[in-house]
Amino acid sequence: MAPAPAPASTPDPAATRAATPAPAPAFDYAPAPESRAVVDIAPSYGLFIDGEFTEAADGKVFKTVSPSTEEVLSEVAEAGEADVDRAVKAARRAFEKWSALPGAERAKYLFRIARIIQERSRELAVLETLDNGKPIRETRDADLPLVAAHFFYYAGWADKLDHAGYGPDPRPLGVAGQVIPWNFPLLMLAWKIAPALATGNTVVLKPAETTPLSALFFADICRRAGLPKGVVNIVTGDGRAGAALTAHPDVNKVAFTGSTAVGKQIARTVAGTRKKLTLELGGKGANIVFDDAPIDQAVEGIVNGIFFNQGQVCCAGSRLLVQESVHDELLDSLKRRLTTLRLGDPLDKNTDIGAINSAEQLARITALADQGEAEGAERWSPVCELPENGYWFAPTLFTNVTQAHTIARDEIFGPVLSVLTFRTPDEAVAKANNTPYGLSAGIWTEKGSRILAVANKLRAGVIWSNTFNKFDPTSPFGGYKESGFGREGGRHGLEAYLDV
């Protein structure tokens, strides 16, 4: 028997599907590269000592390469102990006159430096992106405005030190030896040099060997600003130059930002001396999302917390603690968001994820991610094509992570997120504090009382509420436990450079 025909009023599902237009494809972003021509990179650079660029005493040099292409950008002098000694002596000679200047006069130089940084911010942003690998959007829109803001801010303090809360007429320490990392080369320089100069100290700074160019560009800014010779000296090289600087007997203050292992070594070197020391070291920040948090807003904060600068941030929110009742909903939304991130040329203004800073760092990230998978965590990454040249790692998240997993304990310093769950606020606090580090944390909830209650129990130096990775020169930054000690930024950042 033949089947009865369908009523005329009932549409054929197949015909309906065929008639329904397919969803429009997502728009592709046209390439929008920033021009490299805006910055002139010299084929070679010397050390900046006593107001002049000079070769290393033994003539040694090293190459700095672009992480996104592995192209050699320039050749840079490699400082040895003799060069570090020259730089410290130049800083010591300059200290007497510099520290004797009225604060208002020192402020003029800092204001001048800040204005030149603003005027040349496009050049500096391109240079930082080429040498570091981070997207131009970050160097242009985050790093450079903050660099200038720090110099403006501490210029304002230079003639007000009597009112900073450290007693009448606080005095500078002398020569500051400063060692900075490669993840925020110019911003870390500003965090350290600006308060040191405002308080009347002179400086010898050693940038990271993989990112020396913006510091050397800054040396030229100092010359253009008319800064007296010897007030700022910049020695480039590897860890041996940094060790020579921190151990130098005529350095009065040591400031270091970098790994916990090197920080411990510096602390042992300085122990038993009269040197003042601040350390800003590693972190394993917890980003805590409660069940009443706005999911879309939280997802944006999570992405900013761990994938900003490819996760190469000491205060990155590399541990995501999600309340169980919203775990699936948040994870689905987070995965959708990660599929929209654009990985590629850091000079392209549309790029979200740039290159890893070095082959060494890429190897470390890869090894720890592989270990997480081997230990049973579930690994997920969005589909994305990695460029053939350069150092690249796709944004990655791990689920089914426990506190025993290596990826939940060790600082990876890359675009890798570990997702854990909790049921109660007390469990969230216990898991967040279960780390040798104590640098940062984030709290996502609509209840102000919960923010205050949880923040009061977290052992972290910086706690963000309903946001992440927000910085301001007026706010102090620093950590507890193996994340170091001392504070940089704000009024608190002056104390480290004053004899109080």
Protein backbone atom coordinates (compact mmCIF):
# COMPACT_ATOMS: atom_id res chain seq x y z
CA MET A 1 0.00 0.00 0.00
CA ALA A 2 1.39 3.35 -0.98
CA PRO A 3 1.97 5.80 1.85
CA ALA A 4 -0.50 8.64 2.13
CA PRO A 5 0.79 11.92 0.81
CA ALA A 6 1.69 14.52 3.36
CA PRO A 7 -0.90 17.24 3.90
CA ALA A 8 -0.34 20.27 1.72
CA SER A 9 -0.05 22.48 4.77
CA THR A 10 2.90 20.48 6.18
CA PRO A 11 6.21 21.71 4.68
CA ASP A 12 8.80 19.17 3.58
CA PRO A 13 11.67 19.38 6.15
CA ALA A 14 14.27 18.65 3.47
CA ALA A 15 12.90 21.37 1.27
CA THR A 16 12.85 23.76 4.22
CA ARG A 17 16.52 23.02 4.98
CA ALA A 18 17.45 23.55 1.36
CA ALA A 19 15.59 26.83 1.22
CA THR A 20 17.12 28.18 4.43
CA PRO A 21 20.22 30.23 3.60
CA ALA A 22 23.45 28.98 5.16
CA PRO A 23 24.98 31.19 7.88
CA ALA A 24 27.17 33.90 6.45
CA PRO A 25 30.87 33.12 6.87
CA ALA A 26 32.75 35.18 9.44
CA PHE A 27 34.54 38.18 8.02
CA ASP A 28 38.27 37.73 7.57
CA TYR A 29 40.59 40.46 8.79
CA ALA A 30 42.66 42.04 6.06
CA PRO A 31 46.37 42.30 6.93
CA ALA A 32 47.13 45.57 8.72
CA PRO A 33 50.89 45.52 9.36
CA GLU A 34 52.65 48.37 11.08
CA SER A 35 55.58 49.65 9.06
CA ARG A 36 59.06 48.61 10.16
CA ALA A 37 60.41 51.69 8.45
CA VAL A 38 59.36 53.92 11.35
CA VAL A 39 62.30 52.72 13.46
CA ASP A 40 65.94 52.71 12.42
CA ILE A 41 67.84 49.74 13.89
CA ALA A 42 71.60 50.14 13.76
CA PRO A 43 73.67 47.13 12.64
CA SER A 44 75.54 47.22 15.97
CA TYR A 45 75.25 48.78 19.41
CA GLY A 46 77.74 49.40 22.19
CA LEU A 47 77.40 49.69 25.95
CA PHE A 48 76.05 53.00 27.27
CA ILE A 49 78.52 54.16 29.93
CA ASP A 50 79.08 57.69 31.20
CA GLY A 51 76.87 59.20 28.53
CA GLU A 52 78.59 57.53 25.56
CA PHE A 53 78.21 54.33 23.58
CA THR A 54 81.35 52.24 23.86
CA GLU A 55 82.59 48.77 22.91
CA ALA A 56 83.06 46.04 25.49
CA ALA A 57 86.56 45.88 26.95
CA ASP A 58 87.20 42.45 25.43
CA GLY A 59 85.36 43.27 22.18
CA LYS A 60 82.75 40.54 22.64
CA VAL A 61 79.35 40.87 20.96
CA PHE A 62 76.16 38.84 20.66
CA LYS A 63 73.25 38.86 18.24
CA THR A 64 69.64 39.75 19.06
CA VAL A 65 66.98 38.12 16.88
CA SER A 66 63.31 38.69 16.16
CA PRO A 67 61.31 35.85 17.78
CA SER A 68 58.66 35.94 15.06
CA THR A 69 61.05 35.42 12.13
CA GLU A 70 64.41 34.39 13.69
CA GLU A 71 65.91 37.28 11.73
CA VAL A 72 69.04 38.86 13.23
CA LEU A 73 68.11 42.43 14.15
CA SER A 74 71.45 43.73 15.37
CA GLU A 75 74.76 42.95 17.03
CA VAL A 76 75.17 44.12 20.62
CA ALA A 77 78.23 44.52 22.86
CA GLU A 78 78.53 41.87 25.56
CA ALA A 79 79.61 43.38 28.89
CA GLY A 80 82.14 41.69 31.14
CA GLU A 81 83.19 42.42 34.71
CA ALA A 82 85.51 45.23 33.61
CA ASP A 83 82.67 46.93 31.75
CA VAL A 84 80.30 46.61 34.70
CA ASP A 85 82.99 48.12 36.91
CA ARG A 86 83.37 51.06 34.49
CA ALA A 87 79.62 51.64 34.54
CA VAL A 88 79.39 51.54 38.34
CA LYS A 89 82.29 53.97 38.66
CA ALA A 90 80.61 56.34 36.21
CA ALA A 91 77.39 56.17 38.21
CA ARG A 92 79.31 56.82 41.44
CA ARG A 93 81.00 59.90 39.97
CA ALA A 94 77.64 61.26 38.80
CA PHE A 95 75.88 60.58 42.09
CA GLU A 96 77.27 63.50 44.07
CA LYS A 97 75.99 66.21 41.70
CA TRP A 98 72.79 64.41 40.76
CA SER A 99 71.71 63.78 44.35
CA ALA A 100 72.54 67.40 45.26
CA LEU A 101 70.15 68.78 42.65
CA PRO A 102 66.86 70.14 44.02
CA GLY A 103 64.00 67.73 43.45
CA ALA A 104 62.32 70.19 41.09
CA GLU A 105 65.42 70.13 38.86
CA ARG A 106 65.51 66.33 38.76
CA ALA A 107 61.81 66.41 37.91
CA LYS A 108 62.51 68.49 34.81
CA TYR A 109 64.69 65.73 33.40
CA LEU A 110 62.07 63.08 34.15
CA PHE A 111 59.34 65.16 32.54
CA ARG A 112 61.56 65.65 29.51
CA ILE A 113 62.21 61.90 29.24
CA ALA A 114 58.48 61.18 29.52
CA ARG A 115 57.63 63.64 26.77
CA ILE A 116 60.26 62.23 24.42
CA ILE A 117 58.92 58.73 25.06
CA GLN A 118 55.46 59.93 24.09
CA GLU A 119 56.77 61.65 20.99
CA ARG A 120 58.66 58.54 19.87
CA SER A 121 56.17 55.97 21.12
CA ARG A 122 55.45 54.61 17.64
CA GLU A 123 59.14 53.88 17.04
CA LEU A 124 59.48 52.29 20.47
CA ALA A 125 56.36 50.15 20.01
CA VAL A 126 57.64 48.73 16.71
CA LEU A 127 61.11 48.15 18.16
CA GLU A 128 59.71 46.37 21.22
CA THR A 129 57.50 44.17 19.06
CA LEU A 130 60.38 43.23 16.76
CA ASP A 131 62.76 42.40 19.62
CA ASN A 132 60.27 40.78 22.00
CA GLY A 133 57.65 39.14 19.76
CA LYS A 134 54.54 40.55 21.45
CA PRO A 135 51.72 42.02 19.31
CA ILE A 136 51.98 45.66 18.28
CA ARG A 137 48.56 46.30 19.84
CA GLU A 138 50.03 45.52 23.25
CA THR A 139 53.24 47.52 22.90
CA ARG A 140 51.37 50.46 21.36
CA ASP A 141 48.26 50.50 23.57
CA ALA A 142 49.52 49.10 26.90
CA ASP A 143 53.29 49.15 27.31
CA LEU A 144 54.22 52.58 25.92
CA PRO A 145 51.46 54.60 27.62
CA LEU A 146 52.42 53.00 30.94
CA VAL A 147 56.13 53.68 30.37
CA ALA A 148 55.50 57.40 29.87
CA ALA A 149 53.02 57.45 32.76
CA HIS A 150 55.62 56.08 35.18
CA PHE A 151 58.11 58.81 34.31
CA PHE A 152 55.42 61.49 34.58
CA TYR A 153 54.25 60.09 37.91
CA TYR A 154 57.67 59.93 39.56
CA ALA A 155 58.62 63.31 38.12
CA GLY A 156 55.77 64.61 40.26
CA TRP A 157 57.25 62.99 43.37
CA ALA A 158 60.79 64.30 42.90
CA ASP A 159 60.21 67.59 44.78
CA LYS A 160 57.74 66.14 47.30
CA LEU A 161 59.81 63.45 49.00
CA ASP A 162 59.45 65.20 52.37
CA HIS A 163 55.73 64.43 52.14
CA ALA A 164 56.03 60.79 51.07
CA GLY A 165 55.83 59.49 54.63
CA TYR A 166 59.49 58.56 55.03
CA GLY A 167 60.52 61.37 57.34
CA PRO A 168 61.93 64.84 56.67
CA ASP A 169 64.57 65.16 53.98
CA PRO A 170 64.90 61.44 53.03
CA ARG A 171 68.21 60.72 51.34
CA PRO A 172 69.03 58.57 48.29
CA LEU A 173 71.03 55.36 48.63
CA GLY A 174 73.67 55.89 45.93
CA VAL A 175 74.20 53.61 42.93
CA ALA A 176 71.32 51.30 41.99
CA GLY A 177 72.10 48.09 40.11
CA GLN A 178 69.00 46.98 38.23
CA VAL A 179 68.42 43.76 36.26
CA ILE A 180 65.24 43.47 34.18
CA PRO A 181 63.54 40.63 32.26
CA TRP A 182 62.57 40.14 28.62
CA ASN A 183 58.78 40.01 28.91
CA PHE A 184 58.24 43.79 29.40
CA PRO A 185 61.66 45.26 28.58
CA LEU A 186 60.79 48.95 28.42
CA LEU A 187 58.06 48.89 31.06
CA MET A 188 60.33 47.15 33.59
CA LEU A 189 63.01 49.73 32.79
CA ALA A 190 60.53 52.50 33.61
CA TRP A 191 59.41 50.79 36.83
CA LYS A 192 62.99 50.83 38.04
CA ILE A 193 64.72 53.86 36.57
CA ALA A 194 61.94 56.43 37.19
CA PRO A 195 61.78 56.10 41.02
CA ALA A 196 65.56 55.72 41.26
CA LEU A 197 66.19 59.02 39.47
CA ALA A 198 63.35 60.84 41.23
CA THR A 199 64.88 60.03 44.62
CA GLY A 200 68.38 61.15 43.58
CA ASN A 201 70.09 57.83 42.85
CA THR A 202 72.16 56.97 39.79
CA VAL A 203 71.63 53.77 37.83
CA VAL A 204 73.40 50.90 36.12
CA LEU A 205 70.81 48.78 34.32
CA LYS A 206 71.22 45.42 32.63
CA PRO A 207 68.44 44.43 30.21
CA ALA A 208 67.76 40.82 29.26
CA GLU A 209 70.08 39.44 26.58
CA THR A 210 67.15 38.57 24.27
CA THR A 211 65.62 42.08 24.38
CA PRO A 212 68.35 44.74 24.65
CA LEU A 213 67.24 47.12 21.90
CA SER A 214 64.59 49.22 23.63
CA ALA A 215 66.93 49.86 26.58
CA LEU A 216 69.61 51.08 24.18
CA PHE A 217 67.01 53.26 22.45
CA PHE A 218 66.19 54.67 25.89
CA ALA A 219 69.87 55.49 26.37
CA ASP A 220 69.64 57.77 23.37
CA ILE A 221 66.50 59.34 24.85
CA CYS A 222 68.51 60.15 27.99
CA ARG A 223 71.09 61.93 25.85
CA ARG A 224 68.40 63.86 23.98
CA ALA A 225 66.85 64.87 27.30
CA GLY A 226 70.20 66.30 28.41
CA LEU A 227 70.52 63.93 31.37
CA PRO A 228 73.94 64.43 32.98
CA LYS A 229 76.55 61.84 32.03
CA GLY A 230 76.76 58.80 34.25
CA VAL A 231 73.30 59.17 35.80
CA VAL A 232 71.98 56.29 33.68
CA ASN A 233 74.30 53.56 32.38
CA ILE A 234 73.17 50.51 30.41
CA VAL A 235 75.27 47.35 30.14
CA THR A 236 74.07 44.56 27.86
CA GLY A 237 75.01 40.91 28.16
CA ASP A 238 73.96 37.60 29.63
CA GLY A 239 73.55 36.43 33.22
CA ARG A 240 77.25 36.87 33.95
CA ALA A 241 76.95 40.63 33.51
CA GLY A 242 73.93 40.66 35.82
CA ALA A 243 75.81 38.63 38.42
CA ALA A 244 78.77 41.00 38.25
CA LEU A 245 76.46 43.98 38.72
CA THR A 246 74.55 42.60 41.70
CA ALA A 247 77.80 41.49 43.38
CA HIS A 248 79.68 44.75 42.78
CA PRO A 249 80.85 46.17 46.13
CA ASP A 250 80.05 49.79 45.19
CA VAL A 251 76.38 49.12 44.37
CA ASN A 252 74.08 50.30 47.17
CA LYS A 253 70.76 49.02 45.91
CA VAL A 254 69.85 45.92 43.86
CA ALA A 255 66.51 45.60 42.07
CA PHE A 256 65.71 42.44 40.14
CA THR A 257 62.71 41.20 38.19
CA GLY A 258 62.91 37.69 36.82
CA SER A 259 62.80 34.03 37.77
CA THR A 260 62.57 32.82 41.35
CA ALA A 261 65.71 30.69 40.96
CA VAL A 262 67.86 33.67 39.93
CA GLY A 263 66.21 35.82 42.61
CA LYS A 264 67.27 33.34 45.30
CA GLN A 265 70.80 33.38 43.95
CA ILE A 266 70.89 37.20 44.10
CA ALA A 267 69.53 37.14 47.65
CA ARG A 268 72.39 34.85 48.68
CA THR A 269 74.91 37.15 46.98
CA VAL A 270 73.56 40.25 48.72
CA ALA A 271 73.19 38.61 52.14
CA GLY A 272 75.69 39.98 54.64
CA THR A 273 76.19 43.24 52.76
CA ARG A 274 74.59 46.63 53.35
CA LYS A 275 72.84 46.57 49.96
CA LYS A 276 69.12 47.20 49.87
CA LEU A 277 67.26 44.59 47.83
CA THR A 278 63.89 44.24 46.10
CA LEU A 279 62.87 41.12 44.18
CA GLU A 280 59.87 40.69 41.88
CA LEU A 281 59.85 37.04 40.90
CA GLY A 282 57.59 34.31 39.55
CA GLY A 283 53.91 33.67 40.03
CA LYS A 284 51.09 31.18 39.57
CA GLY A 285 48.08 33.49 39.80
CA ALA A 286 44.61 32.10 40.52
CA ASN A 287 41.63 33.55 38.63
CA ILE A 288 38.55 32.62 40.72
CA VAL A 289 35.12 32.61 39.02
CA PHE A 290 32.06 32.26 41.26
CA ASP A 291 28.64 31.08 40.06
CA ASP A 292 27.15 34.59 40.09
CA ALA A 293 29.88 36.09 37.88
CA PRO A 294 28.93 37.58 34.50
CA ILE A 295 30.20 34.79 32.25
CA ASP A 296 31.02 36.82 29.14
CA GLN A 297 32.88 39.45 31.15
CA ALA A 298 34.74 36.76 33.06
CA VAL A 299 35.77 35.03 29.82
CA GLU A 300 37.31 38.26 28.53
CA GLY A 301 39.17 38.67 31.81
CA ILE A 302 40.40 35.08 31.70
CA VAL A 303 41.68 35.54 28.14
CA ASN A 304 43.41 38.79 29.09
CA GLY A 305 44.78 37.20 32.24
CA ILE A 306 46.60 34.30 30.57
CA PHE A 307 47.00 35.08 26.86
CA PHE A 308 48.13 38.71 27.14
CA ASN A 309 51.79 38.76 26.02
CA GLN A 310 51.47 35.03 25.23
CA GLY A 311 51.16 34.30 28.96
CA GLN A 312 54.72 35.51 29.50
CA VAL A 313 53.64 37.58 32.49
CA CYS A 314 54.73 36.97 36.07
CA CYS A 315 51.25 37.83 37.37
CA ALA A 316 49.36 35.86 34.69
CA GLY A 317 46.15 34.15 35.76
CA SER A 318 47.50 30.74 34.81
CA ARG A 319 45.21 28.82 37.19
CA LEU A 320 41.47 29.14 36.54
CA LEU A 321 39.34 28.13 39.53
CA VAL A 322 35.68 27.77 38.48
CA GLN A 323 32.72 27.04 40.74
CA GLU A 324 31.36 23.62 39.72
CA SER A 325 27.84 24.80 38.91
CA VAL A 326 29.04 27.09 36.09
CA HIS A 327 32.05 25.06 34.95
CA ASP A 328 30.51 23.64 31.76
CA GLU A 329 28.88 26.91 30.71
CA LEU A 330 32.05 28.93 31.26
CA LEU A 331 34.28 26.38 29.56
CA ASP A 332 32.06 26.29 26.45
CA SER A 333 32.11 30.08 26.25
CA LEU A 334 35.87 30.19 26.82
CA LYS A 335 36.56 27.69 24.05
CA ARG A 336 34.39 29.64 21.64
CA ARG A 337 36.32 32.79 22.50
CA LEU A 338 39.69 31.10 21.97
CA THR A 339 38.69 30.08 18.45
CA THR A 340 38.48 33.79 17.55
CA LEU A 341 42.00 34.68 18.70
CA ARG A 342 44.34 35.53 15.85
CA LEU A 343 47.90 34.17 16.04
CA GLY A 344 50.55 35.46 13.68
CA ASP A 345 52.69 38.43 12.66
CA PRO A 346 53.16 40.57 15.79
CA LEU A 347 53.41 43.71 13.67
CA ASP A 348 49.89 43.14 12.33
CA LYS A 349 47.45 45.31 14.26
CA ASN A 350 44.85 42.49 14.21
CA THR A 351 47.11 39.96 15.92
CA ASP A 352 46.12 38.74 19.41
CA ILE A 353 48.83 36.11 20.02
CA GLY A 354 52.42 36.87 19.06
CA ALA A 355 55.62 34.86 19.19
CA ILE A 356 57.28 33.25 22.20
CA ASN A 357 60.38 35.25 23.13
CA SER A 358 63.05 32.61 22.49
CA ALA A 359 63.69 29.03 21.46
CA GLU A 360 64.69 28.25 25.05
CA GLN A 361 61.38 29.53 26.43
CA LEU A 362 59.41 27.70 23.75
CA ALA A 363 61.15 24.45 24.70
CA ARG A 364 60.22 24.97 28.36
CA ILE A 365 56.56 25.67 27.56
CA THR A 366 56.38 22.65 25.26
CA ALA A 367 57.97 20.33 27.83
CA LEU A 368 55.60 21.41 30.64
CA ALA A 369 52.53 21.15 28.40
CA ASP A 370 53.58 17.66 27.31
CA GLN A 371 54.10 16.73 30.96
CA GLY A 372 50.61 17.92 31.83
CA GLU A 373 49.17 15.68 29.14
CA ALA A 374 51.32 12.74 30.28
CA GLU A 375 50.06 13.19 33.86
CA GLY A 376 46.47 12.77 32.72
CA ALA A 377 45.15 16.29 32.19
CA GLU A 378 42.98 16.84 29.12
CA ARG A 379 44.58 19.20 26.60
CA TRP A 380 42.67 21.44 24.19
CA SER A 381 43.77 24.11 21.71
CA PRO A 382 41.81 25.90 18.99
CA VAL A 383 42.68 25.08 15.41
CA CYS A 384 45.29 27.57 14.30
CA GLU A 385 48.10 27.52 11.79
CA LEU A 386 51.53 28.23 13.26
CA PRO A 387 54.00 30.16 11.07
CA GLU A 388 56.93 28.16 9.71
CA ASN A 389 59.62 30.50 11.05
CA GLY A 390 59.93 31.83 14.56
CA TYR A 391 58.90 30.55 17.99
CA TRP A 392 55.18 29.84 18.29
CA PHE A 393 52.85 28.05 20.68
CA ALA A 394 49.08 27.80 20.25
CA PRO A 395 46.84 29.00 23.13
CA THR A 396 46.19 25.93 25.24
CA LEU A 397 43.95 24.98 28.13
CA PHE A 398 43.95 21.91 30.33
CA THR A 399 40.90 20.44 32.06
CA ASN A 400 40.66 17.58 34.58
CA VAL A 401 43.57 19.22 36.40
CA THR A 402 44.26 18.52 40.06
CA GLN A 403 46.52 20.34 42.48
CA ALA A 404 49.01 17.51 42.13
CA HIS A 405 49.62 18.18 38.44
CA THR A 406 52.89 19.87 37.56
CA ILE A 407 51.06 22.35 35.32
CA ALA A 408 49.04 23.49 38.36
CA ARG A 409 52.15 24.05 40.48
CA ASP A 410 55.01 25.22 38.26
CA GLU A 411 55.16 28.56 36.50
CA ILE A 412 54.95 27.79 32.78
CA PHE A 413 55.32 31.39 31.56
CA GLY A 414 53.43 30.74 28.36
CA PRO A 415 49.89 30.65 26.88
CA VAL A 416 48.78 27.63 28.92
CA LEU A 417 45.78 27.68 31.27
CA SER A 418 45.02 25.04 33.91
CA VAL A 419 41.32 24.72 34.85
CA LEU A 420 40.35 23.49 38.32
CA THR A 421 36.97 23.48 40.10
CA PHE A 422 35.68 24.31 43.58
CA ARG A 423 32.39 24.15 45.45
CA THR A 424 32.66 26.67 48.29
CA PRO A 425 34.51 29.98 48.82
CA ASP A 426 36.70 28.36 51.47
CA GLU A 427 37.75 25.65 49.02
CA ALA A 428 38.52 28.31 46.40
CA VAL A 429 40.74 30.19 48.86
CA ALA A 430 42.52 27.01 49.96
CA LYS A 431 43.28 26.02 46.37
CA ALA A 432 44.33 29.54 45.36
CA ASN A 433 46.77 29.75 48.28
CA ASN A 434 48.14 26.25 47.67
CA THR A 435 51.21 27.50 45.80
CA PRO A 436 54.73 28.56 46.73
CA TYR A 437 54.03 31.85 44.92
CA GLY A 438 51.98 34.84 46.01
CA LEU A 439 51.99 37.53 43.35
CA SER A 440 48.47 37.95 41.94
CA ALA A 441 44.88 36.73 41.96
CA GLY A 442 41.53 37.62 40.42
CA ILE A 443 37.99 37.37 41.81
CA TRP A 444 34.86 37.30 39.62
CA THR A 445 31.51 37.81 41.38
CA GLU A 446 28.72 40.37 41.52
CA LYS A 447 28.81 40.49 45.35
CA GLY A 448 31.07 43.19 46.79
CA SER A 449 30.98 41.52 50.21
CA ARG A 450 32.29 38.27 48.71
CA ILE A 451 35.10 40.14 46.91
CA LEU A 452 36.26 41.71 50.18
CA ALA A 453 35.88 38.51 52.20
CA VAL A 454 37.81 36.35 49.72
CA ALA A 455 40.47 38.97 48.96
CA ASN A 456 41.21 39.30 52.67
CA LYS A 457 42.08 35.59 52.79
CA LEU A 458 44.17 35.36 49.62
CA ARG A 459 47.93 35.48 50.07
CA ALA A 460 48.75 37.53 46.99
CA GLY A 461 50.32 40.94 46.54
CA VAL A 462 47.90 42.14 43.86
CA ILE A 463 44.23 41.14 43.70
CA TRP A 464 41.94 42.23 40.89
CA SER A 465 38.15 42.14 41.17
CA ASN A 466 36.10 41.59 37.99
CA THR A 467 39.12 42.46 35.87
CA PHE A 468 42.70 41.27 35.41
CA ASN A 469 46.12 42.62 34.42
CA LYS A 470 45.24 46.26 35.07
CA PHE A 471 48.20 48.44 36.01
CA ASP A 472 48.65 52.03 37.11
CA PRO A 473 51.83 53.89 38.14
CA THR A 474 50.13 55.10 41.33
CA SER A 475 49.48 51.55 42.56
CA PRO A 476 52.14 49.40 44.27
CA PHE A 477 52.99 46.00 42.79
CA GLY A 478 54.79 43.08 44.41
CA GLY A 479 54.35 39.68 45.99
CA TYR A 480 54.75 37.34 48.92
CA LYS A 481 56.54 34.05 49.48
CA GLU A 482 58.58 32.94 46.44
CA SER A 483 57.19 35.81 44.38
CA GLY A 484 59.68 38.11 46.10
CA PHE A 485 59.49 41.11 48.41
CA GLY A 486 59.37 44.88 48.18
CA ARG A 487 57.00 47.00 46.14
CA GLU A 488 57.34 48.89 42.87
CA GLY A 489 54.99 51.65 41.80
CA GLY A 490 53.10 54.25 43.76
CA ARG A 491 54.39 56.02 46.84
CA HIS A 492 55.58 52.64 48.11
CA GLY A 493 58.00 52.39 45.19
CA LEU A 494 60.01 55.35 46.55
CA GLU A 495 60.99 53.57 49.75
CA ALA A 496 63.19 51.04 47.96
CA TYR A 497 65.48 53.87 46.77
CA LEU A 498 65.62 55.92 49.97
CA ASP A 499 67.90 55.49 52.98
CA VAL A 500 65.06 54.88 55.42
